[in-house]
Amino acid sequence: MLCPHCNREMDKKHGRYRYRESGLDNVWLKDWPMFVCRKCRIKMPLISDEEQMAKEIIPRLLRTKARLNGDSIVYLRKALGLKTGELARRLQVHRGTVSRWENDKHTIDREYDLQLRLLVKDQIFPENRDLREDILRALPGLVSQPASPLVRPSMPPIVVPAEASSNEMPISGSVIANNDV
């Protein structure tokens, strides 16, 4: 494969990759197959099925003990295939409230955080009872974080191991420079 930046041949390696293409800053691919340019240091992870990748990320996101931040709420809403107003109706809040959560103008309240997680679980993983229990076990962590309109919640890292990959082609548009291999 040729580097899209310098047109040189890229090496196939395994390494750590910050998967920003997911829309989340805290997703890392561990020991992941990828192409790496020796000259530019550009990395292109091999991801053959983005839907399957989302199914690896979502349960890890739902199990986090931190309150969901704006990017996480957007990610889950899109995974549900909902527009902002549709999610607002499902959660029985105003559309502007969801917008403020997604833009990190306000922190999502604990009750709505839980409601959103359970909605995603029920829609995407309806048969996974363990996931529901894991979400409910995360509640003490959610309780300890008071809602604040001024503080963006920091999300713990989500690590997707290489065992989750069935990769043969690089993800489109995944040109990230200066990541460690």
C-alpha atoms as a PDB file:
ATOM      1  CA  MET A   1       0.000   0.000   0.000  1.00  0.00           C
ATOM      2  CA  LEU A   2       1.252   3.475  -0.847  1.00  0.00           C
ATOM      3  CA  CYS A   3       1.269   6.342   1.620  1.00  0.00           C
ATOM      4  CA  PRO A   4      -1.439   8.867   0.668  1.00  0.00           C
ATOM      5  CA  HIS A   5       0.850  11.701   1.762  1.00  0.00           C
ATOM      6  CA  CYS A   6       4.272  10.912   0.245  1.00  0.00           C
ATOM      7  CA  ASN A   7       3.384   8.047  -2.114  1.00  0.00           C
ATOM      8  CA  ARG A   8       5.982   5.690  -0.585  1.00  0.00           C
ATOM      9  CA  GLU A   9       5.390   2.051   0.253  1.00  0.00           C
ATOM     10  CA  MET A  10       3.952   1.537   3.754  1.00  0.00           C
ATOM     11  CA  ASP A  11       4.887  -1.258   6.176  1.00  0.00           C
ATOM     12  CA  LYS A  12       2.275  -3.493   7.777  1.00  0.00           C
ATOM     13  CA  LYS A  13       2.738  -3.550  11.559  1.00  0.00           C
ATOM     14  CA  HIS A  14       0.807  -4.012  14.788  1.00  0.00           C
ATOM     15  CA  GLY A  15       0.649  -1.225  17.314  1.00  0.00           C
ATOM     16  CA  ARG A  16      -1.350   1.178  19.408  1.00  0.00           C
ATOM     17  CA  TYR A  17      -3.605   3.603  17.569  1.00  0.00           C
ATOM     18  CA  ARG A  18      -5.812   6.415  18.832  1.00  0.00           C
ATOM     19  CA  TYR A  19      -9.006   5.815  16.870  1.00  0.00           C
ATOM     20  CA  ARG A  20     -10.224   9.399  16.496  1.00  0.00           C
ATOM     21  CA  GLU A  21     -12.202   8.447  13.402  1.00  0.00           C
ATOM     22  CA  SER A  22     -14.776   6.970  15.779  1.00  0.00           C
ATOM     23  CA  GLY A  23     -15.669  10.485  16.914  1.00  0.00           C
ATOM     24  CA  LEU A  24     -14.404   9.728  20.427  1.00  0.00           C
ATOM     25  CA  ASP A  25     -11.027  10.951  21.702  1.00  0.00           C
ATOM     26  CA  ASN A  26     -10.677   8.158  24.242  1.00  0.00           C
ATOM     27  CA  VAL A  27     -10.761   5.065  21.974  1.00  0.00           C
ATOM     28  CA  TRP A  28      -7.458   3.230  21.539  1.00  0.00           C
ATOM     29  CA  LEU A  29      -6.806   0.192  19.367  1.00  0.00           C
ATOM     30  CA  LYS A  30      -4.308  -2.093  21.078  1.00  0.00           C
ATOM     31  CA  ASP A  31      -1.840  -4.293  19.121  1.00  0.00           C
ATOM     32  CA  TRP A  32      -3.858  -3.366  16.030  1.00  0.00           C
ATOM     33  CA  PRO A  33      -2.844  -4.236  12.462  1.00  0.00           C
ATOM     34  CA  MET A  34      -2.087  -1.117  10.457  1.00  0.00           C
ATOM     35  CA  PHE A  35      -0.021   0.343   7.667  1.00  0.00           C
ATOM     36  CA  VAL A  36       2.716   2.769   8.752  1.00  0.00           C
ATOM     37  CA  CYS A  37       4.763   5.044   6.518  1.00  0.00           C
ATOM     38  CA  ARG A  38       8.455   5.029   7.457  1.00  0.00           C
ATOM     39  CA  LYS A  39       8.958   8.560   6.186  1.00  0.00           C
ATOM     40  CA  CYS A  40       5.778  10.393   7.276  1.00  0.00           C
ATOM     41  CA  ARG A  41       4.868   8.195  10.285  1.00  0.00           C
ATOM     42  CA  ILE A  42       1.268   8.204   9.034  1.00  0.00           C
ATOM     43  CA  LYS A  43      -0.774   5.293  10.366  1.00  0.00           C
ATOM     44  CA  MET A  44      -3.745   3.658   8.703  1.00  0.00           C
ATOM     45  CA  PRO A  45      -5.469   1.031  10.862  1.00  0.00           C
ATOM     46  CA  LEU A  46      -6.993  -1.975   9.150  1.00  0.00           C
ATOM     47  CA  ILE A  47     -10.715  -1.916   9.840  1.00  0.00           C
ATOM     48  CA  SER A  48     -12.893  -3.971   7.546  1.00  0.00           C
ATOM     49  CA  ASP A  49     -16.263  -3.429   9.212  1.00  0.00           C
ATOM     50  CA  GLU A  50     -17.018  -0.134  10.938  1.00  0.00           C
ATOM     51  CA  GLU A  51     -20.367  -1.437  12.224  1.00  0.00           C
ATOM     52  CA  GLN A  52     -18.596  -4.311  13.949  1.00  0.00           C
ATOM     53  CA  MET A  53     -16.078  -1.850  15.382  1.00  0.00           C
ATOM     54  CA  ALA A  54     -18.969   0.186  16.812  1.00  0.00           C
ATOM     55  CA  LYS A  55     -20.306  -3.010  18.418  1.00  0.00           C
ATOM     56  CA  GLU A  56     -16.918  -3.403  20.111  1.00  0.00           C
ATOM     57  CA  ILE A  57     -16.798   0.219  21.298  1.00  0.00           C
ATOM     58  CA  ILE A  58     -20.402   0.682  22.489  1.00  0.00           C
ATOM     59  CA  PRO A  59     -20.439  -1.912  25.320  1.00  0.00           C
ATOM     60  CA  ARG A  60     -17.132  -0.552  26.616  1.00  0.00           C
ATOM     61  CA  LEU A  61     -18.575   2.966  26.522  1.00  0.00           C
ATOM     62  CA  LEU A  62     -21.781   1.889  28.269  1.00  0.00           C
ATOM     63  CA  ARG A  63     -19.773   0.245  31.079  1.00  0.00           C
ATOM     64  CA  THR A  64     -17.689   3.339  31.896  1.00  0.00           C
ATOM     65  CA  LYS A  65     -18.235   4.706  35.387  1.00  0.00           C
ATOM     66  CA  ALA A  66     -17.799   8.315  34.284  1.00  0.00           C
ATOM     67  CA  ARG A  67     -20.710  10.436  33.138  1.00  0.00           C
ATOM     68  CA  LEU A  68     -21.101  10.545  29.396  1.00  0.00           C
ATOM     69  CA  ASN A  69     -19.556  13.610  27.773  1.00  0.00           C
ATOM     70  CA  GLY A  70     -20.882  15.362  24.680  1.00  0.00           C
ATOM     71  CA  ASP A  71     -18.924  13.296  22.169  1.00  0.00           C
ATOM     72  CA  SER A  72     -20.103  10.063  23.819  1.00  0.00           C
ATOM     73  CA  ILE A  73     -23.730  11.200  23.720  1.00  0.00           C
ATOM     74  CA  VAL A  74     -23.419  12.084  20.024  1.00  0.00           C
ATOM     75  CA  TYR A  75     -21.774   8.705  19.336  1.00  0.00           C
ATOM     76  CA  LEU A  76     -24.549   6.783  21.101  1.00  0.00           C
ATOM     77  CA  ARG A  77     -27.297   8.850  19.458  1.00  0.00           C
ATOM     78  CA  LYS A  78     -25.842   8.156  16.031  1.00  0.00           C
ATOM     79  CA  ALA A  79     -25.468   4.465  16.885  1.00  0.00           C
ATOM     80  CA  LEU A  80     -29.214   4.473  17.577  1.00  0.00           C
ATOM     81  CA  GLY A  81     -29.805   6.196  14.245  1.00  0.00           C
ATOM     82  CA  LEU A  82     -31.645   9.073  15.915  1.00  0.00           C
ATOM     83  CA  LYS A  83     -31.677  12.809  15.330  1.00  0.00           C
ATOM     84  CA  THR A  84     -31.318  15.145  18.292  1.00  0.00           C
ATOM     85  CA  GLY A  85     -35.064  15.790  18.512  1.00  0.00           C
ATOM     86  CA  GLU A  86     -35.862  12.065  18.345  1.00  0.00           C
ATOM     87  CA  LEU A  87     -33.486  11.308  21.220  1.00  0.00           C
ATOM     88  CA  ALA A  88     -34.996  14.189  23.192  1.00  0.00           C
ATOM     89  CA  ARG A  89     -38.472  12.689  22.730  1.00  0.00           C
ATOM     90  CA  ARG A  90     -37.266   9.262  23.837  1.00  0.00           C
ATOM     91  CA  LEU A  91     -35.684  10.728  26.975  1.00  0.00           C
ATOM     92  CA  GLN A  92     -38.607  13.129  27.489  1.00  0.00           C
ATOM     93  CA  VAL A  93     -36.454  16.246  27.530  1.00  0.00           C
ATOM     94  CA  HIS A  94     -36.338  19.340  25.337  1.00  0.00           C
ATOM     95  CA  ARG A  95     -34.309  19.141  22.134  1.00  0.00           C
ATOM     96  CA  GLY A  96     -32.178  22.030  23.402  1.00  0.00           C
ATOM     97  CA  THR A  97     -31.254  20.012  26.482  1.00  0.00           C
ATOM     98  CA  VAL A  98     -29.801  17.223  24.329  1.00  0.00           C
ATOM     99  CA  SER A  99     -27.988  19.850  22.255  1.00  0.00           C
ATOM    100  CA  ARG A 100     -26.437  21.367  25.405  1.00  0.00           C
ATOM    101  CA  TRP A 101     -25.293  17.893  26.544  1.00  0.00           C
ATOM    102  CA  GLU A 102     -23.797  17.109  23.151  1.00  0.00           C
ATOM    103  CA  ASN A 103     -21.976  20.443  23.004  1.00  0.00           C
ATOM    104  CA  ASP A 104     -20.717  20.082  26.603  1.00  0.00           C
ATOM    105  CA  LYS A 105     -22.605  23.198  27.697  1.00  0.00           C
ATOM    106  CA  HIS A 106     -24.219  21.119  30.484  1.00  0.00           C
ATOM    107  CA  THR A 107     -23.331  17.766  31.967  1.00  0.00           C
ATOM    108  CA  ILE A 108     -25.985  15.129  31.484  1.00  0.00           C
ATOM    109  CA  ASP A 109     -27.906  14.394  34.703  1.00  0.00           C
ATOM    110  CA  ARG A 110     -27.353  10.971  36.232  1.00  0.00           C
ATOM    111  CA  GLU A 111     -30.911   9.812  35.518  1.00  0.00           C
ATOM    112  CA  TYR A 112     -30.743  10.703  31.831  1.00  0.00           C
ATOM    113  CA  ASP A 113     -27.258   9.238  31.524  1.00  0.00           C
ATOM    114  CA  LEU A 114     -28.618   5.935  32.807  1.00  0.00           C
ATOM    115  CA  GLN A 115     -31.722   6.188  30.618  1.00  0.00           C
ATOM    116  CA  LEU A 116     -29.596   6.762  27.520  1.00  0.00           C
ATOM    117  CA  ARG A 117     -27.272   3.859  28.318  1.00  0.00           C
ATOM    118  CA  LEU A 118     -30.193   1.504  28.872  1.00  0.00           C
ATOM    119  CA  LEU A 119     -31.915   2.717  25.699  1.00  0.00           C
ATOM    120  CA  VAL A 120     -28.769   1.957  23.684  1.00  0.00           C
ATOM    121  CA  LYS A 121     -28.375  -1.407  25.373  1.00  0.00           C
ATOM    122  CA  ASP A 122     -32.005  -2.384  24.724  1.00  0.00           C
ATOM    123  CA  GLN A 123     -31.918  -1.245  21.073  1.00  0.00           C
ATOM    124  CA  ILE A 124     -28.494  -2.561  20.019  1.00  0.00           C
ATOM    125  CA  PHE A 125     -27.855  -5.449  22.438  1.00  0.00           C
ATOM    126  CA  PRO A 126     -31.352  -6.578  23.545  1.00  0.00           C
ATOM    127  CA  GLU A 127     -30.294 -10.112  24.488  1.00  0.00           C
ATOM    128  CA  ASN A 128     -27.202  -9.127  26.511  1.00  0.00           C
ATOM    129  CA  ARG A 129     -28.373  -9.281  30.149  1.00  0.00           C
ATOM    130  CA  ASP A 130     -24.838  -9.020  31.521  1.00  0.00           C
ATOM    131  CA  LEU A 131     -24.426  -5.627  29.884  1.00  0.00           C
ATOM    132  CA  ARG A 132     -27.528  -4.322  31.671  1.00  0.00           C
ATOM    133  CA  GLU A 133     -26.118  -5.484  35.009  1.00  0.00           C
ATOM    134  CA  ASP A 134     -22.747  -3.892  34.227  1.00  0.00           C
ATOM    135  CA  ILE A 135     -24.452  -0.579  33.436  1.00  0.00           C
ATOM    136  CA  LEU A 136     -26.384  -0.682  36.706  1.00  0.00           C
ATOM    137  CA  ARG A 137     -23.152  -1.516  38.587  1.00  0.00           C
ATOM    138  CA  ALA A 138     -21.596   1.635  37.084  1.00  0.00           C
ATOM    139  CA  LEU A 139     -24.211   3.739  38.917  1.00  0.00           C
ATOM    140  CA  PRO A 140     -22.131   4.442  42.047  1.00  0.00           C
ATOM    141  CA  GLY A 141     -19.511   6.062  39.820  1.00  0.00           C
ATOM    142  CA  LEU A 142     -22.173   8.176  38.178  1.00  0.00           C
ATOM    143  CA  VAL A 143     -23.584   9.280  41.522  1.00  0.00           C
ATOM    144  CA  SER A 144     -20.215  10.595  42.715  1.00  0.00           C
ATOM    145  CA  GLN A 145     -19.983  13.066  39.833  1.00  0.00           C
ATOM    146  CA  PRO A 146     -22.302  16.032  40.329  1.00  0.00           C
ATOM    147  CA  ALA A 147     -23.717  17.634  37.201  1.00  0.00           C
ATOM    148  CA  SER A 148     -22.013  20.851  36.268  1.00  0.00           C
ATOM    149  CA  PRO A 149     -22.604  23.155  33.325  1.00  0.00           C
ATOM    150  CA  LEU A 150     -18.971  24.272  33.384  1.00  0.00           C
ATOM    151  CA  VAL A 151     -16.922  21.071  33.564  1.00  0.00           C
ATOM    152  CA  ARG A 152     -16.599  18.683  30.626  1.00  0.00           C
ATOM    153  CA  PRO A 153     -16.518  15.144  32.019  1.00  0.00           C
ATOM    154  CA  SER A 154     -13.333  13.327  31.107  1.00  0.00           C
ATOM    155  CA  MET A 155     -13.914   9.838  29.818  1.00  0.00           C
ATOM    156  CA  PRO A 156     -11.588   6.985  30.745  1.00  0.00           C
ATOM    157  CA  PRO A 157      -9.782   5.297  27.860  1.00  0.00           C
ATOM    158  CA  ILE A 158     -11.679   2.677  25.888  1.00  0.00           C
ATOM    159  CA  VAL A 159      -9.240   0.014  24.668  1.00  0.00           C
ATOM    160  CA  VAL A 160     -10.276  -2.328  21.873  1.00  0.00           C
ATOM    161  CA  PRO A 161      -7.882  -5.304  21.652  1.00  0.00           C
ATOM    162  CA  ALA A 162      -6.661  -6.681  18.330  1.00  0.00           C
ATOM    163  CA  GLU A 163      -8.723  -9.844  18.881  1.00  0.00           C
ATOM    164  CA  ALA A 164     -11.739  -7.728  17.913  1.00  0.00           C
ATOM    165  CA  SER A 165     -10.334  -7.113  14.434  1.00  0.00           C
ATOM    166  CA  SER A 166     -11.028  -9.074  11.298  1.00  0.00           C
ATOM    167  CA  ASN A 167      -9.160  -6.547   9.230  1.00  0.00           C
ATOM    168  CA  GLU A 168      -8.040  -6.655   5.672  1.00  0.00           C
ATOM    169  CA  MET A 169      -8.433  -3.083   4.444  1.00  0.00           C
ATOM    170  CA  PRO A 170      -7.513   0.300   5.901  1.00  0.00           C
ATOM    171  CA  ILE A 171     -10.293   2.512   7.147  1.00  0.00           C
ATOM    172  CA  SER A 172     -11.060   5.280   4.715  1.00  0.00           C
ATOM    173  CA  GLY A 173      -9.710   8.691   5.568  1.00  0.00           C
ATOM    174  CA  SER A 174      -7.653   7.511   8.531  1.00  0.00           C
ATOM    175  CA  VAL A 175      -4.537   9.581   8.056  1.00  0.00           C
ATOM    176  CA  ILE A 176      -3.072  10.455  11.442  1.00  0.00           C
ATOM    177  CA  ALA A 177       0.543  11.543  11.763  1.00  0.00           C
ATOM    178  CA  ASN A 178       2.978  11.270  14.669  1.00  0.00           C
ATOM    179  CA  ASN A 179       1.336   8.476  16.655  1.00  0.00           C
ATOM    180  CA  ASP A 180       3.638   6.006  18.374  1.00  0.00           C
ATOM    181  CA  VAL A 181       3.783   2.532  16.850  1.00  0.00           C
END
